[in-house]
Amino acid sequence: MQTYLVTGASGYIASWIVKFLLEKGEKVHGTVRSLNNVEKISHLLVLQKKYPDQLMLFEADLLKKESFKPAMKGCSVVLHTASPFIIGKTGNVHRDLIRPALEGTRNVLTLANDFKEVRRVVLTSSVAAVYSDAADLEKTSNSVFTEADWNTLSNEKHNPYQFSKTIAEREAWRIAGEQTRWKLTVINPGLVLGPSLSKRTDSTSIGIMRSLTNGKFRSGVPDLYFGIVDVRDVAKAHILAASSEHAEGRHICVSETLSLISIAKILRDHFPDLPVPKSVLPKIFLYLAAPLIGFTWKFIRLNVGFPFRFDNQKSIQLGLEYSPAGKTIIDHARQLHENNLV
């Protein structure tokens, strides 16, 4: 038995990590923003009641390094999942995305240097740190994104979320390279879908699925493509990376690449009563409607109509067995329906 620290434990991915670790008999220290926000952590409280001697919850703030000290004490593995996931407009990019992603990573990883029991750190990054835009595929050597690729084109004005994930992961590798006691492994998932353990709707991934099933995109969807991965597979990838002595480097986690309209078709075939989109919006329409739908012309030019693919062999070598994307999408929609979220 080991003790694992899971930051952002109430999050979409982290909740599954906590659940799987508890089922394995491991001890977990989970950090949350507030222990008083029962609504956001209710699913963790259920797990805590089921595994009373295995799960402890702590309050911690990404911008306050010292706040993670009580939670990290006694942990041999740190799973740093806490980071904002916001695609589209935000009130303040630096405040809402850049600062918590970068400083949060810096605070948790530098604190690991102070705890001699820490032997492994697993960071939740993203394929957003691998590429900025779908058109970047043209610059790859074999027309496929791999762990060797890095996002070099995002910035605070163009794809700020992608930028935040990139600089946070680069900072993690810098910190890891300045010491030799603990080992860093990184998980780079694509668009994470699949059932949530909570009824929260503030996840961007969950927001996309709700938009596809509640009529918001009834008139059509952009010709956009996503690398899809099941949230449960991403959680398992973190645990495999934490438990394998040979795990190292980055690991792209993508099951299949699908367009939005392909995702919509899967939903329509299984849930014919839902107002799922049936058509692809013309690119010229997207240019005209860009200010209303939160897209920039640059984003449309570099992403709409560009299929792409990922090399996921490294994650498979880690021992990960992927769920079919279709099953992931159906399971997710069913969970949203059962929780009256669509």
Protein backbone atom coordinates (compact mmCIF):
# COMPACT_ATOMS: atom_id res chain seq x y z
CA MET A 1 0.00 0.00 0.00
CA GLN A 2 1.18 3.47 -0.94
CA THR A 3 -0.24 6.89 -0.19
CA TYR A 4 -1.06 9.00 -3.24
CA LEU A 5 -1.64 12.73 -3.35
CA VAL A 6 -4.26 13.67 -5.96
CA THR A 7 -4.57 17.42 -6.48
CA GLY A 8 -7.90 18.77 -7.66
CA ALA A 9 -9.49 15.55 -6.42
CA SER A 10 -13.06 16.63 -7.15
CA GLY A 11 -12.29 17.17 -10.84
CA TYR A 12 -13.59 15.16 -13.77
CA ILE A 13 -10.45 13.03 -14.29
CA ALA A 14 -9.19 13.15 -10.72
CA SER A 15 -12.39 11.72 -9.27
CA TRP A 16 -11.96 8.55 -11.30
CA ILE A 17 -8.28 8.35 -10.27
CA VAL A 18 -9.32 8.54 -6.62
CA LYS A 19 -12.02 5.89 -7.10
CA PHE A 20 -9.71 3.44 -8.87
CA LEU A 21 -6.94 3.90 -6.31
CA LEU A 22 -9.34 3.27 -3.43
CA GLU A 23 -10.65 0.14 -5.14
CA LYS A 24 -7.03 -1.07 -5.36
CA GLY A 25 -6.71 -0.66 -1.60
CA GLU A 26 -4.41 2.37 -1.75
CA LYS A 27 -4.51 5.40 0.53
CA VAL A 28 -5.33 8.76 -1.05
CA HIS A 29 -4.84 12.33 0.07
CA GLY A 30 -7.08 14.49 -2.10
CA THR A 31 -6.98 18.28 -2.29
CA VAL A 32 -10.03 20.42 -3.02
CA ARG A 33 -10.60 24.16 -3.08
CA SER A 34 -13.07 24.10 -0.20
CA LEU A 35 -14.23 21.41 2.19
CA ASN A 36 -17.33 23.50 2.86
CA ASN A 37 -18.59 23.30 -0.74
CA VAL A 38 -20.45 20.04 -0.17
CA GLU A 39 -22.17 20.19 -3.56
CA LYS A 40 -18.88 20.03 -5.46
CA ILE A 41 -17.30 17.33 -3.32
CA SER A 42 -20.37 15.22 -2.48
CA HIS A 43 -19.17 12.32 -4.66
CA LEU A 44 -15.86 12.32 -2.77
CA LEU A 45 -17.69 12.30 0.55
CA VAL A 46 -19.54 9.18 -0.64
CA LEU A 47 -16.20 7.53 -1.43
CA GLN A 48 -14.79 8.66 1.90
CA LYS A 49 -17.70 7.03 3.71
CA LYS A 50 -17.17 3.81 1.75
CA TYR A 51 -13.39 3.84 2.32
CA PRO A 52 -13.08 5.66 5.69
CA ASP A 53 -9.50 4.67 6.40
CA GLN A 54 -8.19 5.27 2.89
CA LEU A 55 -9.35 8.71 1.76
CA MET A 56 -8.46 11.97 3.44
CA LEU A 57 -9.48 15.35 2.00
CA PHE A 58 -7.55 18.59 2.40
CA GLU A 59 -8.11 22.19 1.34
CA ALA A 60 -5.44 23.65 -0.93
CA ASP A 61 -5.05 26.65 -3.24
CA LEU A 62 -2.98 26.33 -6.45
CA LEU A 63 -1.55 29.81 -5.87
CA LYS A 64 -0.44 29.04 -2.29
CA LYS A 65 2.43 26.58 -2.16
CA GLU A 66 2.29 26.05 1.59
CA SER A 67 -1.36 25.01 1.43
CA PHE A 68 -0.35 21.67 -0.12
CA LYS A 69 2.03 20.72 2.72
CA PRO A 70 -0.45 18.84 4.96
CA ALA A 71 -1.76 16.84 2.01
CA MET A 72 1.67 15.92 0.63
CA LYS A 73 3.02 14.68 3.96
CA GLY A 74 3.47 10.90 3.85
CA CYS A 75 2.80 10.55 0.12
CA SER A 76 5.17 8.63 -2.15
CA VAL A 77 3.34 9.56 -5.37
CA VAL A 78 1.99 12.96 -6.41
CA LEU A 79 -0.66 13.05 -9.13
CA HIS A 80 -1.03 16.69 -10.12
CA THR A 81 -4.30 17.01 -12.03
CA ALA A 82 -5.51 20.40 -10.80
CA SER A 83 -5.52 22.98 -13.59
CA PRO A 84 -8.20 25.13 -15.24
CA PHE A 85 -9.82 23.81 -18.43
CA ILE A 86 -11.48 26.73 -20.23
CA ILE A 87 -11.89 26.87 -24.01
CA GLY A 88 -13.36 30.03 -25.45
CA LYS A 89 -13.74 33.46 -23.94
CA THR A 90 -12.64 34.12 -20.38
CA GLY A 91 -12.75 37.31 -18.37
CA ASN A 92 -9.01 37.45 -17.77
CA VAL A 93 -6.71 34.98 -19.55
CA HIS A 94 -3.75 35.52 -17.25
CA ARG A 95 -5.81 35.28 -14.06
CA ASP A 96 -8.13 32.44 -15.12
CA LEU A 97 -5.75 30.25 -17.16
CA ILE A 98 -2.07 31.17 -17.25
CA ARG A 99 -1.37 31.91 -13.61
CA PRO A 100 -3.14 28.92 -11.98
CA ALA A 101 -1.76 26.46 -14.56
CA LEU A 102 1.83 27.70 -14.34
CA GLU A 103 2.09 28.67 -10.69
CA GLY A 104 0.05 25.66 -9.57
CA THR A 105 2.45 23.29 -11.33
CA ARG A 106 5.44 25.16 -9.98
CA ASN A 107 4.12 25.18 -6.42
CA VAL A 108 3.21 21.48 -6.28
CA LEU A 109 6.39 20.21 -7.96
CA THR A 110 8.84 22.40 -6.05
CA LEU A 111 7.11 21.38 -2.82
CA ALA A 112 7.76 17.75 -3.76
CA ASN A 113 11.46 18.57 -3.39
CA ASP A 114 10.85 19.17 0.32
CA PHE A 115 9.36 15.71 0.98
CA LYS A 116 11.90 12.92 0.81
CA GLU A 117 9.18 10.25 0.61
CA VAL A 118 8.02 11.50 -2.81
CA ARG A 119 9.41 9.21 -5.51
CA ARG A 120 7.12 9.82 -8.49
CA VAL A 121 5.17 12.78 -9.89
CA VAL A 122 2.54 12.28 -12.60
CA LEU A 123 1.36 15.45 -14.32
CA THR A 124 -1.92 15.82 -16.20
CA SER A 125 -1.02 17.77 -19.30
CA SER A 126 -2.86 17.63 -22.64
CA VAL A 127 -2.42 17.15 -26.38
CA ALA A 128 -2.84 20.93 -26.26
CA ALA A 129 0.85 20.96 -25.30
CA VAL A 130 1.61 18.82 -28.36
CA TYR A 131 0.02 21.06 -31.00
CA SER A 132 -1.67 24.45 -31.26
CA ASP A 133 -3.88 24.02 -34.33
CA ALA A 134 -5.00 21.10 -36.46
CA ALA A 135 -3.08 22.62 -39.39
CA ASP A 136 0.14 21.97 -37.44
CA LEU A 137 -0.10 18.37 -38.61
CA GLU A 138 1.35 19.49 -41.93
CA LYS A 139 4.61 20.28 -40.13
CA THR A 140 5.04 16.81 -38.64
CA SER A 141 7.38 14.28 -40.23
CA ASN A 142 4.85 11.45 -40.76
CA SER A 143 1.51 13.30 -40.68
CA VAL A 144 0.83 12.18 -37.13
CA PHE A 145 1.27 13.94 -33.79
CA THR A 146 3.69 12.20 -31.40
CA GLU A 147 5.18 12.88 -27.98
CA ALA A 148 8.14 14.50 -29.75
CA ASP A 149 5.92 17.34 -30.96
CA TRP A 150 5.47 20.53 -28.94
CA ASN A 151 3.04 23.39 -29.24
CA THR A 152 5.13 26.41 -30.24
CA LEU A 153 2.46 28.65 -31.77
CA SER A 154 -0.12 29.31 -29.04
CA ASN A 155 0.02 32.45 -26.93
CA GLU A 156 -2.22 34.46 -24.61
CA LYS A 157 -4.27 35.76 -27.54
CA HIS A 158 -4.34 32.69 -29.79
CA ASN A 159 -5.49 29.45 -28.11
CA PRO A 160 -4.72 30.62 -24.55
CA TYR A 161 -5.80 27.31 -22.99
CA GLN A 162 -3.32 25.45 -25.20
CA PHE A 163 -0.69 28.00 -24.22
CA SER A 164 -1.37 27.51 -20.50
CA LYS A 165 -0.97 23.72 -20.77
CA THR A 166 2.24 24.07 -22.78
CA ILE A 167 4.04 26.45 -20.44
CA ALA A 168 2.89 24.46 -17.40
CA GLU A 169 4.26 21.20 -18.80
CA ARG A 170 7.53 22.83 -19.85
CA GLU A 171 7.89 24.22 -16.34
CA ALA A 172 7.30 20.75 -14.92
CA TRP A 173 10.10 19.27 -17.04
CA ARG A 174 12.41 22.14 -16.02
CA ILE A 175 11.78 21.51 -12.32
CA ALA A 176 12.14 17.75 -12.71
CA GLY A 177 15.44 18.20 -14.50
CA GLU A 178 16.93 20.16 -11.60
CA GLN A 179 16.70 17.22 -9.18
CA THR A 180 17.25 13.46 -9.25
CA ARG A 181 15.18 12.08 -6.35
CA TRP A 182 11.71 11.90 -7.91
CA LYS A 183 10.75 10.94 -11.44
CA LEU A 184 8.28 12.84 -13.62
CA THR A 185 5.83 11.19 -16.00
CA VAL A 186 3.31 13.16 -18.07
CA ILE A 187 -0.11 12.16 -19.41
CA ASN A 188 -1.28 14.07 -22.51
CA PRO A 189 -4.97 13.26 -23.10
CA GLY A 190 -7.09 14.47 -25.98
CA LEU A 191 -10.71 15.53 -25.52
CA VAL A 192 -11.78 13.62 -22.43
CA LEU A 193 -15.34 12.29 -22.53
CA GLY A 194 -17.23 9.64 -20.62
CA PRO A 195 -19.43 9.48 -17.51
CA SER A 196 -18.70 11.79 -14.62
CA LEU A 197 -18.81 10.67 -11.00
CA SER A 198 -20.45 13.95 -10.03
CA LYS A 199 -23.39 16.02 -11.26
CA ARG A 200 -21.20 19.07 -11.81
CA THR A 201 -21.47 20.77 -15.19
CA ASP A 202 -18.53 23.18 -15.00
CA SER A 203 -16.20 20.91 -16.98
CA THR A 204 -15.60 22.00 -20.58
CA SER A 205 -15.69 18.37 -21.70
CA ILE A 206 -19.11 17.91 -20.11
CA GLY A 207 -20.20 21.25 -21.57
CA ILE A 208 -19.42 20.03 -25.10
CA MET A 209 -21.50 16.89 -24.64
CA ARG A 210 -24.40 18.84 -23.19
CA SER A 211 -24.28 21.27 -26.11
CA LEU A 212 -24.48 18.37 -28.56
CA THR A 213 -27.53 16.92 -26.84
CA ASN A 214 -29.56 19.92 -25.64
CA GLY A 215 -30.27 21.62 -28.96
CA LYS A 216 -27.61 24.32 -28.80
CA PHE A 217 -26.05 23.03 -32.05
CA ARG A 218 -29.35 22.04 -33.62
CA SER A 219 -28.55 24.11 -36.76
CA GLY A 220 -25.21 22.35 -37.28
CA VAL A 221 -21.64 22.02 -36.02
CA PRO A 222 -18.25 23.20 -37.33
CA ASP A 223 -16.08 20.70 -39.21
CA LEU A 224 -13.79 20.28 -36.22
CA TYR A 225 -11.91 17.14 -35.19
CA PHE A 226 -10.94 15.89 -31.75
CA GLY A 227 -8.80 13.11 -30.36
CA ILE A 228 -11.31 11.32 -28.10
CA VAL A 229 -10.39 9.42 -24.95
CA ASP A 230 -12.49 7.92 -22.17
CA VAL A 231 -12.12 9.62 -18.79
CA ARG A 232 -11.79 6.21 -17.15
CA ASP A 233 -8.90 5.33 -19.48
CA VAL A 234 -7.16 8.62 -18.65
CA ALA A 235 -7.49 7.84 -14.95
CA LYS A 236 -6.04 4.36 -15.50
CA ALA A 237 -3.16 5.86 -17.49
CA HIS A 238 -2.23 8.02 -14.50
CA ILE A 239 -2.21 5.02 -12.19
CA LEU A 240 -0.17 2.94 -14.65
CA ALA A 241 2.34 5.78 -14.96
CA ALA A 242 2.53 6.06 -11.18
CA SER A 243 3.03 2.34 -10.58
CA SER A 244 5.40 1.39 -13.41
CA GLU A 245 9.10 1.64 -12.72
CA HIS A 246 9.79 1.99 -16.43
CA ALA A 247 7.26 4.75 -17.17
CA GLU A 248 8.97 7.89 -18.39
CA GLY A 249 8.38 10.92 -20.57
CA ARG A 250 5.13 12.01 -22.19
CA HIS A 251 2.19 9.77 -23.09
CA ILE A 252 -0.44 10.80 -25.64
CA CYS A 253 -3.78 9.34 -24.59
CA VAL A 254 -6.21 9.23 -27.52
CA SER A 255 -8.44 6.35 -28.54
CA GLU A 256 -9.77 7.65 -31.87
CA THR A 257 -9.99 10.93 -33.77
CA LEU A 258 -13.56 11.94 -34.61
CA SER A 259 -15.25 14.98 -36.08
CA LEU A 260 -18.03 16.74 -34.19
CA ILE A 261 -20.56 15.52 -36.75
CA SER A 262 -19.33 11.93 -36.27
CA ILE A 263 -19.85 12.27 -32.53
CA ALA A 264 -23.30 13.68 -33.24
CA LYS A 265 -24.15 10.71 -35.49
CA ILE A 266 -23.22 8.25 -32.74
CA LEU A 267 -25.52 10.13 -30.38
CA ARG A 268 -28.34 10.36 -32.91
CA ASP A 269 -28.21 6.63 -33.67
CA HIS A 270 -28.56 5.70 -29.99
CA PHE A 271 -30.70 8.58 -28.72
CA PRO A 272 -33.02 9.51 -31.59
CA ASP A 273 -35.21 11.71 -29.38
CA LEU A 274 -32.41 14.12 -28.50
CA PRO A 275 -32.01 17.34 -30.56
CA VAL A 276 -28.62 16.30 -31.93
CA PRO A 277 -27.12 18.26 -34.89
CA LYS A 278 -27.40 16.64 -38.31
CA SER A 279 -25.27 18.89 -40.53
CA VAL A 280 -21.90 20.60 -40.84
CA LEU A 281 -21.86 24.39 -40.96
CA PRO A 282 -20.16 25.95 -44.01
CA LYS A 283 -16.80 27.52 -43.23
CA ILE A 284 -17.94 30.87 -44.67
CA PHE A 285 -20.82 30.91 -42.17
CA LEU A 286 -18.34 30.40 -39.32
CA TYR A 287 -16.29 33.38 -40.51
CA LEU A 288 -19.43 35.54 -40.53
CA ALA A 289 -20.63 34.29 -37.15
CA ALA A 290 -17.20 34.18 -35.48
CA PRO A 291 -17.82 37.04 -33.00
CA LEU A 292 -21.08 35.44 -31.86
CA ILE A 293 -19.75 31.91 -31.35
CA GLY A 294 -16.44 32.84 -29.73
CA PHE A 295 -14.14 31.83 -32.61
CA THR A 296 -11.43 33.99 -34.12
CA TRP A 297 -10.85 34.01 -37.87
CA LYS A 298 -7.37 32.63 -37.22
CA PHE A 299 -8.77 29.67 -35.27
CA ILE A 300 -11.27 28.92 -38.04
CA ARG A 301 -8.61 29.15 -40.74
CA LEU A 302 -6.21 26.78 -38.94
CA ASN A 303 -8.64 24.25 -37.47
CA VAL A 304 -11.90 23.92 -39.36
CA GLY A 305 -11.74 21.19 -42.01
CA PHE A 306 -8.40 19.73 -40.89
CA PRO A 307 -8.53 16.03 -39.91
CA PHE A 308 -5.56 14.80 -37.89
CA ARG A 309 -4.34 11.78 -35.98
CA PHE A 310 -2.18 10.83 -33.01
CA ASP A 311 0.33 8.08 -32.27
CA ASN A 312 -0.88 6.46 -29.03
CA GLN A 313 1.55 3.53 -29.00
CA LYS A 314 3.52 4.77 -26.01
CA SER A 315 0.44 4.78 -23.80
CA ILE A 316 -0.47 1.30 -25.05
CA GLN A 317 3.03 0.11 -24.13
CA LEU A 318 2.33 1.51 -20.67
CA GLY A 319 -0.38 -1.15 -20.43
CA LEU A 320 -3.42 0.95 -21.29
CA GLU A 321 -6.30 -0.71 -23.13
CA TYR A 322 -8.54 1.85 -24.81
CA SER A 323 -12.31 1.84 -24.76
CA PRO A 324 -13.99 2.37 -28.16
CA ALA A 325 -14.86 6.04 -28.62
CA GLY A 326 -18.43 5.12 -29.47
CA LYS A 327 -18.95 3.42 -26.12
CA THR A 328 -17.42 6.40 -24.33
CA ILE A 329 -19.81 8.81 -26.03
CA ILE A 330 -22.88 6.63 -25.37
CA ASP A 331 -21.94 6.09 -21.72
CA HIS A 332 -21.45 9.83 -21.29
CA ALA A 333 -24.79 10.76 -22.83
CA ARG A 334 -26.57 8.12 -20.74
CA GLN A 335 -25.02 9.49 -17.53
CA LEU A 336 -26.06 13.06 -18.41
CA HIS A 337 -29.60 11.83 -19.10
CA GLU A 338 -29.80 9.85 -15.86
CA ASN A 339 -28.68 12.93 -13.92
CA ASN A 340 -31.25 15.13 -15.71
CA LEU A 341 -28.48 17.26 -17.25
CA VAL A 342 -29.89 17.12 -20.80
